[in-house]
C-alpha cells in the first residue's frame, strides 16, 4: 500500500504534463491545418525537373550470363 503513495502522485503529475503539452500544441497552432499536408504530398513541386540518367566511369561488371556465353563460344 505504500507504493500507492508514490504511484498516485506520479500518475497525476504525468497526466498534468500531458495536458500541458496538449494545450501548448493547441495554442501554437499544431492542429490548424490537418488536411494540408495530406493534400500537399499529392502535388509535385513546381521546380522539380527530371534528372538526367546517371553515367558511371566504370565498365559494366561481368554477369553470370556473360560468363556462360563466353564458355559456349569456346
N, C-alpha and C. Protein backbone atom coordinates (compact mmCIF):
# COMPACT_ATOMS: atom_id res chain seq x y z
N UNK A 1 0.80 -1.20 0.00
CA UNK A 1 0.00 0.00 0.00
C UNK A 1 0.85 1.27 0.00
N UNK A 2 2.07 1.12 0.48
CA UNK A 2 2.94 2.30 0.48
C UNK A 2 3.28 2.75 -0.94
N UNK A 3 3.23 1.79 -1.88
CA UNK A 3 3.58 2.14 -3.26
C UNK A 3 2.53 3.07 -3.87
N UNK A 4 1.28 2.99 -3.38
CA UNK A 4 0.23 3.88 -3.88
C UNK A 4 0.53 5.34 -3.54
N UNK A 5 1.24 5.55 -2.45
CA UNK A 5 1.60 6.92 -2.09
C UNK A 5 2.55 7.52 -3.12
N UNK A 6 3.26 6.68 -3.87
CA UNK A 6 4.16 7.16 -4.93
C UNK A 6 3.47 7.13 -6.30
N UNK A 7 2.65 6.10 -6.54
CA UNK A 7 2.06 5.94 -7.87
C UNK A 7 0.98 6.98 -8.17
N UNK A 8 0.15 7.30 -7.22
CA UNK A 8 -0.94 8.25 -7.47
C UNK A 8 -0.39 9.65 -7.78
N UNK A 9 0.54 10.19 -7.01
CA UNK A 9 1.10 11.50 -7.40
C UNK A 9 1.87 11.45 -8.73
N UNK A 10 2.54 10.33 -9.00
CA UNK A 10 3.26 10.21 -10.27
C UNK A 10 2.27 10.20 -11.44
N UNK A 11 1.15 9.50 -11.29
CA UNK A 11 0.14 9.46 -12.35
C UNK A 11 -0.50 10.83 -12.56
N UNK A 12 -0.77 11.53 -11.48
CA UNK A 12 -1.35 12.88 -11.58
C UNK A 12 -0.36 13.82 -12.25
N UNK A 13 0.91 13.71 -11.88
CA UNK A 13 1.94 14.56 -12.48
C UNK A 13 2.07 14.29 -13.98
N UNK A 14 2.11 13.02 -14.38
CA UNK A 14 2.22 12.70 -15.81
C UNK A 14 0.97 13.14 -16.58
N UNK A 15 -0.20 13.02 -15.95
CA UNK A 15 -1.43 13.50 -16.59
C UNK A 15 -1.41 15.00 -16.81
N UNK A 16 -0.97 15.73 -15.81
CA UNK A 16 -0.87 17.19 -15.95
C UNK A 16 0.18 17.58 -16.99
N UNK A 17 1.27 16.83 -17.03
CA UNK A 17 2.31 17.09 -18.03
C UNK A 17 1.77 16.88 -19.45
N UNK A 18 1.00 15.82 -19.64
CA UNK A 18 0.38 15.57 -20.94
C UNK A 18 -0.63 16.64 -21.31
N UNK A 19 -1.41 17.08 -20.33
CA UNK A 19 -2.39 18.14 -20.57
C UNK A 19 -1.71 19.45 -20.94
N UNK A 20 -0.62 19.77 -20.27
CA UNK A 20 0.13 20.99 -20.59
C UNK A 20 0.72 20.90 -22.00
N UNK A 21 1.24 19.74 -22.36
CA UNK A 21 1.80 19.57 -23.71
C UNK A 21 0.71 19.71 -24.77
N UNK A 22 -0.47 19.15 -24.51
CA UNK A 22 -1.57 19.26 -25.46
C UNK A 22 -2.03 20.71 -25.60
N UNK A 23 -2.17 21.41 -24.49
CA UNK A 23 -2.60 22.81 -24.55
C UNK A 23 -1.57 23.68 -25.26
N UNK A 24 -0.28 23.40 -25.05
CA UNK A 24 0.76 24.14 -25.76
C UNK A 24 0.66 23.90 -27.27
N UNK A 25 0.46 22.63 -27.67
CA UNK A 25 0.34 22.33 -29.09
C UNK A 25 -0.89 22.99 -29.69
N UNK A 26 -1.96 23.02 -28.94
CA UNK A 26 -3.18 23.67 -29.41
C UNK A 26 -2.98 25.17 -29.58
N UNK A 27 -2.31 25.78 -28.62
CA UNK A 27 -2.09 27.24 -28.66
C UNK A 27 -1.10 27.63 -29.75
N UNK A 28 -0.12 26.78 -30.03
CA UNK A 28 0.90 27.13 -31.03
C UNK A 28 0.46 26.81 -32.46
N UNK A 29 -0.75 26.29 -32.64
CA UNK A 29 -1.28 26.09 -33.98
C UNK A 29 -0.89 24.78 -34.63
N UNK A 30 -0.57 23.78 -33.85
CA UNK A 30 -0.18 22.49 -34.42
C UNK A 30 -1.35 21.79 -35.11
N UNK A 31 -2.57 22.09 -34.72
CA UNK A 31 -3.74 21.40 -35.25
C UNK A 31 -4.56 22.28 -36.18
N UNK A 32 -4.01 23.37 -36.67
CA UNK A 32 -4.76 24.29 -37.51
C UNK A 32 -5.06 23.72 -38.90
N UNK A 33 -4.08 23.09 -39.54
CA UNK A 33 -4.24 22.62 -40.92
C UNK A 33 -3.96 21.12 -40.97
N UNK A 34 -4.95 20.32 -40.64
CA UNK A 34 -4.75 18.87 -40.61
C UNK A 34 -4.74 18.25 -42.00
N UNK A 35 -5.47 18.84 -42.95
CA UNK A 35 -5.56 18.27 -44.29
C UNK A 35 -4.50 18.81 -45.24
N UNK A 36 -3.83 19.87 -44.89
CA UNK A 36 -2.87 20.49 -45.80
C UNK A 36 -1.73 19.57 -46.18
N UNK A 37 -1.12 18.91 -45.22
CA UNK A 37 0.00 18.01 -45.52
C UNK A 37 -0.47 16.82 -46.34
N UNK A 38 -1.67 16.35 -46.09
CA UNK A 38 -2.20 15.21 -46.84
C UNK A 38 -2.42 15.58 -48.31
N UNK A 39 -2.80 16.81 -48.58
CA UNK A 39 -3.02 17.24 -49.96
C UNK A 39 -1.72 17.66 -50.63
N UNK A 40 -0.79 18.24 -49.89
CA UNK A 40 0.47 18.70 -50.47
C UNK A 40 1.31 17.54 -51.00
N UNK A 41 1.22 16.38 -50.39
CA UNK A 41 2.04 15.25 -50.81
C UNK A 41 1.61 14.75 -52.19
N UNK A 42 0.40 15.07 -52.60
CA UNK A 42 -0.11 14.58 -53.88
C UNK A 42 0.37 15.42 -55.07
N UNK A 43 0.84 16.62 -54.83
CA UNK A 43 1.23 17.52 -55.91
C UNK A 43 2.74 17.61 -56.02
N UNK A 44 3.24 17.72 -57.26
CA UNK A 44 4.67 17.88 -57.49
C UNK A 44 5.10 19.29 -57.13
N UNK A 45 6.35 19.41 -56.78
CA UNK A 45 6.91 20.74 -56.55
C UNK A 45 7.06 21.44 -57.89
N UNK A 46 6.85 22.74 -57.97
CA UNK A 46 6.90 23.43 -59.26
C UNK A 46 8.29 23.46 -59.88
N UNK A 47 9.35 23.34 -59.11
CA UNK A 47 10.69 23.42 -59.68
C UNK A 47 11.36 22.05 -59.83
N UNK A 48 10.60 20.98 -59.74
CA UNK A 48 11.17 19.64 -59.94
C UNK A 48 11.37 19.39 -61.43
N UNK A 49 12.57 19.01 -61.79
CA UNK A 49 12.88 18.65 -63.17
C UNK A 49 13.41 17.23 -63.18
N UNK A 50 13.11 16.47 -64.22
CA UNK A 50 13.65 15.11 -64.25
C UNK A 50 15.17 15.14 -64.34
N UNK A 51 15.79 14.28 -63.61
CA UNK A 51 17.25 14.22 -63.60
C UNK A 51 17.74 13.41 -64.79
N UNK A 52 18.87 13.81 -65.37
CA UNK A 52 19.42 13.01 -66.47
C UNK A 52 19.92 11.67 -65.93
N UNK A 53 19.98 10.66 -66.79
CA UNK A 53 20.46 9.36 -66.32
C UNK A 53 21.89 9.46 -65.82
N UNK A 54 22.17 8.72 -64.81
CA UNK A 54 23.48 8.76 -64.18
C UNK A 54 24.47 7.95 -65.01
N UNK A 55 25.60 8.57 -65.33
CA UNK A 55 26.63 7.88 -66.10
C UNK A 55 27.79 7.55 -65.18
N UNK A 56 28.28 6.34 -65.32
CA UNK A 56 29.41 5.92 -64.49
C UNK A 56 30.65 5.80 -65.36
N UNK A 57 31.80 5.97 -64.75
CA UNK A 57 33.07 5.88 -65.48
C UNK A 57 33.57 4.45 -65.54
N UNK A 58 32.95 3.56 -64.82
CA UNK A 58 33.40 2.17 -64.77
C UNK A 58 32.75 1.35 -65.87
N UNK A 59 33.47 0.34 -66.33
CA UNK A 59 32.90 -0.58 -67.31
C UNK A 59 31.87 -1.46 -66.60
N UNK A 60 30.88 -1.93 -67.33
CA UNK A 60 29.89 -2.79 -66.69
C UNK A 60 30.55 -4.08 -66.18
N UNK A 61 30.09 -4.53 -65.05
CA UNK A 61 30.65 -5.75 -64.47
C UNK A 61 30.11 -6.96 -65.21
N UNK A 62 30.92 -7.99 -65.24
CA UNK A 62 30.52 -9.23 -65.89
C UNK A 62 29.43 -9.90 -65.06
N UNK A 63 28.45 -10.42 -65.74
CA UNK A 63 27.37 -11.11 -65.04
C UNK A 63 27.48 -12.60 -65.31
N UNK A 64 26.63 -13.35 -64.68
CA UNK A 64 26.65 -14.80 -64.86
C UNK A 64 26.32 -15.15 -66.31
N UNK A 65 25.43 -14.40 -66.94
CA UNK A 65 25.05 -14.69 -68.32
C UNK A 65 26.21 -14.46 -69.28
N UNK A 66 27.02 -13.44 -69.06
CA UNK A 66 28.14 -13.18 -69.96
C UNK A 66 29.19 -14.27 -69.82
N UNK A 67 29.36 -14.83 -68.63
CA UNK A 67 30.32 -15.91 -68.44
C UNK A 67 29.86 -17.16 -69.17
N UNK A 68 28.58 -17.44 -69.12
CA UNK A 68 28.05 -18.61 -69.81
C UNK A 68 28.20 -18.43 -71.31
N UNK A 69 27.93 -17.24 -71.82
CA UNK A 69 28.02 -17.04 -73.26
C UNK A 69 29.47 -17.16 -73.73
N UNK A 70 30.45 -16.78 -72.92
CA UNK A 70 31.85 -16.96 -73.31
C UNK A 70 32.22 -18.44 -73.34
N UNK A 71 31.70 -19.21 -72.40
CA UNK A 71 32.01 -20.64 -72.38
C UNK A 71 31.37 -21.35 -73.56
N UNK A 72 30.20 -20.89 -74.00
CA UNK A 72 29.54 -21.50 -75.15
C UNK A 72 30.31 -21.23 -76.43
N UNK A 73 30.99 -20.10 -76.51
CA UNK A 73 31.74 -19.75 -77.71
C UNK A 73 32.96 -20.62 -77.88
N UNK A 74 33.50 -21.17 -76.81
CA UNK A 74 34.72 -21.99 -76.89
C UNK A 74 34.49 -23.31 -77.53
